[in-house]
């Protein structure tokens, strides 16, 4: 084959819904925005997990009403 090479392409994989993941193409012009959004989402998820651990500990001590 001849011609221009294609790619690289950026995709985002969305969480499972009804047992299936969904992969969505991200246009090159929006890839950086999507990457930043994914990074922020991961930070939020981590913070929520840490809060949940603290809440479980407080509940087990009876310190959370």
N, C-alpha and C. Protein backbone atom coordinates (compact mmCIF):
# COMPACT_ATOMS: atom_id res chain seq x y z
N UNK A 1 0.83 -1.18 0.00
CA UNK A 1 0.00 0.00 0.00
C UNK A 1 0.88 1.25 0.00
N UNK A 2 0.42 2.24 -0.64
CA UNK A 2 1.15 3.50 -0.64
C UNK A 2 0.24 4.60 -0.14
N UNK A 3 0.84 5.72 0.17
CA UNK A 3 0.05 6.84 0.67
C UNK A 3 0.49 7.22 2.06
N UNK A 4 -0.26 8.13 2.64
CA UNK A 4 0.09 8.61 3.98
C UNK A 4 -0.21 7.57 5.04
N UNK A 5 0.61 7.60 6.06
CA UNK A 5 0.35 6.72 7.20
C UNK A 5 -0.80 7.30 8.00
N UNK A 6 -1.51 6.46 8.67
CA UNK A 6 -2.65 6.88 9.47
C UNK A 6 -2.30 6.79 10.94
N UNK A 7 -2.95 7.62 11.74
CA UNK A 7 -2.78 7.55 13.19
C UNK A 7 -1.66 8.43 13.65
N UNK A 8 -1.31 8.41 14.89
CA UNK A 8 -1.99 7.62 15.92
C UNK A 8 -3.36 8.21 16.25
N UNK A 9 -4.23 7.37 16.72
CA UNK A 9 -5.58 7.79 17.09
C UNK A 9 -5.73 7.70 18.59
N UNK A 10 -6.58 8.53 19.12
CA UNK A 10 -6.86 8.51 20.56
C UNK A 10 -8.28 8.01 20.78
N UNK A 11 -8.41 7.12 21.74
CA UNK A 11 -9.72 6.59 22.11
C UNK A 11 -9.87 6.69 23.61
N UNK A 12 -11.09 6.79 24.07
CA UNK A 12 -11.38 6.74 25.49
C UNK A 12 -12.27 5.51 25.70
N UNK A 13 -11.95 4.75 26.74
CA UNK A 13 -12.74 3.57 27.07
C UNK A 13 -13.64 3.93 28.23
N UNK A 14 -14.94 3.83 28.01
CA UNK A 14 -15.93 4.18 29.01
C UNK A 14 -16.27 2.96 29.86
N UNK A 15 -16.70 3.18 31.09
CA UNK A 15 -17.00 2.06 31.99
C UNK A 15 -18.10 1.15 31.43
N UNK A 16 -18.12 -0.03 32.01
CA UNK A 16 -19.11 -1.03 31.59
C UNK A 16 -20.53 -0.56 31.86
N UNK A 17 -21.36 -0.73 30.87
CA UNK A 17 -22.80 -0.49 31.01
C UNK A 17 -23.47 -1.74 30.45
N UNK A 18 -24.30 -2.37 31.26
CA UNK A 18 -24.95 -3.61 30.86
C UNK A 18 -23.92 -4.65 30.42
N UNK A 19 -22.78 -4.69 31.14
CA UNK A 19 -21.76 -5.71 30.87
C UNK A 19 -20.82 -5.43 29.72
N UNK A 20 -20.94 -4.28 29.08
CA UNK A 20 -20.10 -3.98 27.93
C UNK A 20 -19.37 -2.66 28.12
N UNK A 21 -18.10 -2.64 27.72
CA UNK A 21 -17.38 -1.38 27.69
C UNK A 21 -17.63 -0.72 26.34
N UNK A 22 -17.43 0.58 26.31
CA UNK A 22 -17.62 1.33 25.07
C UNK A 22 -16.35 2.10 24.78
N UNK A 23 -15.84 1.99 23.58
CA UNK A 23 -14.65 2.71 23.15
C UNK A 23 -15.09 3.80 22.18
N UNK A 24 -14.64 5.04 22.47
CA UNK A 24 -15.06 6.19 21.67
C UNK A 24 -13.83 6.88 21.10
N UNK A 25 -13.85 7.15 19.81
CA UNK A 25 -12.78 7.89 19.16
C UNK A 25 -12.77 9.33 19.63
N UNK A 26 -11.58 9.86 19.90
CA UNK A 26 -11.42 11.25 20.32
C UNK A 26 -10.66 11.99 19.22
N UNK A 27 -11.26 12.98 18.62
CA UNK A 27 -10.56 13.74 17.58
C UNK A 27 -9.26 14.37 18.13
N UNK A 28 -8.26 14.46 17.30
CA UNK A 28 -6.95 14.96 17.72
C UNK A 28 -7.04 16.33 18.38
N UNK A 29 -7.91 17.18 17.91
CA UNK A 29 -8.04 18.53 18.46
C UNK A 29 -8.57 18.58 19.88
N UNK A 30 -9.21 17.52 20.32
CA UNK A 30 -9.77 17.50 21.68
C UNK A 30 -9.06 16.50 22.59
N UNK A 31 -8.06 15.82 22.09
CA UNK A 31 -7.39 14.77 22.85
C UNK A 31 -6.79 15.29 24.16
N UNK A 32 -6.14 16.46 24.12
CA UNK A 32 -5.53 17.00 25.35
C UNK A 32 -6.59 17.33 26.40
N UNK A 33 -7.70 17.87 25.97
CA UNK A 33 -8.79 18.20 26.91
C UNK A 33 -9.33 16.92 27.53
N UNK A 34 -9.50 15.89 26.72
CA UNK A 34 -10.01 14.61 27.23
C UNK A 34 -9.00 14.00 28.21
N UNK A 35 -7.72 14.07 27.89
CA UNK A 35 -6.69 13.54 28.81
C UNK A 35 -6.72 14.27 30.15
N UNK A 36 -6.84 15.59 30.11
CA UNK A 36 -6.91 16.36 31.37
C UNK A 36 -8.17 16.00 32.16
N UNK A 37 -9.28 15.86 31.46
CA UNK A 37 -10.51 15.46 32.13
C UNK A 37 -10.41 14.09 32.76
N UNK A 38 -9.77 13.17 32.07
CA UNK A 38 -9.58 11.82 32.62
C UNK A 38 -8.68 11.86 33.85
N UNK A 39 -7.65 12.70 33.82
CA UNK A 39 -6.75 12.82 34.98
C UNK A 39 -7.49 13.39 36.18
N UNK A 40 -8.32 14.41 35.96
CA UNK A 40 -9.10 15.00 37.04
C UNK A 40 -10.09 13.98 37.58
N UNK A 41 -10.71 13.23 36.71
CA UNK A 41 -11.66 12.19 37.12
C UNK A 41 -10.97 11.14 37.99
N UNK A 42 -9.76 10.76 37.63
CA UNK A 42 -9.01 9.79 38.43
C UNK A 42 -8.67 10.36 39.80
N UNK A 43 -8.32 11.64 39.86
CA UNK A 43 -8.03 12.28 41.15
C UNK A 43 -9.27 12.32 42.03
N UNK A 44 -10.40 12.63 41.45
CA UNK A 44 -11.66 12.67 42.21
C UNK A 44 -11.99 11.28 42.74
N UNK A 45 -11.85 10.28 41.88
CA UNK A 45 -12.12 8.90 42.29
C UNK A 45 -11.23 8.48 43.45
N UNK A 46 -9.95 8.83 43.39
CA UNK A 46 -9.01 8.51 44.47
C UNK A 46 -9.41 9.22 45.76
N UNK A 47 -9.76 10.49 45.67
CA UNK A 47 -10.18 11.24 46.86
C UNK A 47 -11.43 10.63 47.48
N UNK A 48 -12.39 10.24 46.65
CA UNK A 48 -13.61 9.62 47.17
C UNK A 48 -13.33 8.28 47.85
N UNK A 49 -12.40 7.52 47.30
CA UNK A 49 -12.02 6.26 47.93
C UNK A 49 -11.39 6.51 49.30
N UNK A 50 -10.55 7.54 49.39
CA UNK A 50 -9.91 7.87 50.67
C UNK A 50 -10.97 8.34 51.69
N UNK A 51 -11.92 9.13 51.25
CA UNK A 51 -12.99 9.59 52.13
C UNK A 51 -13.81 8.40 52.61
N UNK A 52 -14.09 7.46 51.73
CA UNK A 52 -14.86 6.28 52.10
C UNK A 52 -14.14 5.46 53.17
N UNK A 53 -12.83 5.32 53.05
CA UNK A 53 -12.05 4.58 54.05
C UNK A 53 -12.15 5.28 55.40
N UNK A 54 -12.03 6.60 55.40
CA UNK A 54 -12.13 7.37 56.64
C UNK A 54 -13.53 7.22 57.24
N UNK A 55 -14.57 7.33 56.42
CA UNK A 55 -15.94 7.20 56.91
C UNK A 55 -16.20 5.82 57.50
N UNK A 56 -15.70 4.78 56.86
CA UNK A 56 -15.88 3.42 57.39
C UNK A 56 -15.20 3.30 58.75
N UNK A 57 -14.02 3.86 58.88
CA UNK A 57 -13.32 3.84 60.17
C UNK A 57 -14.12 4.59 61.24
N UNK A 58 -14.60 5.76 60.90
CA UNK A 58 -15.39 6.55 61.86
C UNK A 58 -16.68 5.84 62.23
N UNK A 59 -17.34 5.21 61.27
CA UNK A 59 -18.55 4.45 61.56
C UNK A 59 -18.26 3.28 62.50
N UNK A 60 -17.16 2.60 62.26
CA UNK A 60 -16.82 1.44 63.09
C UNK A 60 -16.50 1.87 64.53
N UNK A 61 -16.02 3.08 64.71
CA UNK A 61 -15.74 3.61 66.05
C UNK A 61 -16.98 4.23 66.68
N UNK A 62 -18.05 4.39 65.92
CA UNK A 62 -19.24 5.05 66.42
C UNK A 62 -19.11 6.55 66.52
N UNK A 63 -18.15 7.11 65.77
CA UNK A 63 -17.89 8.55 65.84
C UNK A 63 -18.58 9.33 64.73
N UNK A 64 -19.29 8.66 63.89
CA UNK A 64 -19.97 9.34 62.80
C UNK A 64 -21.47 9.14 62.99
N UNK A 65 -22.16 10.24 63.22
CA UNK A 65 -23.60 10.14 63.52
C UNK A 65 -24.42 10.11 62.26
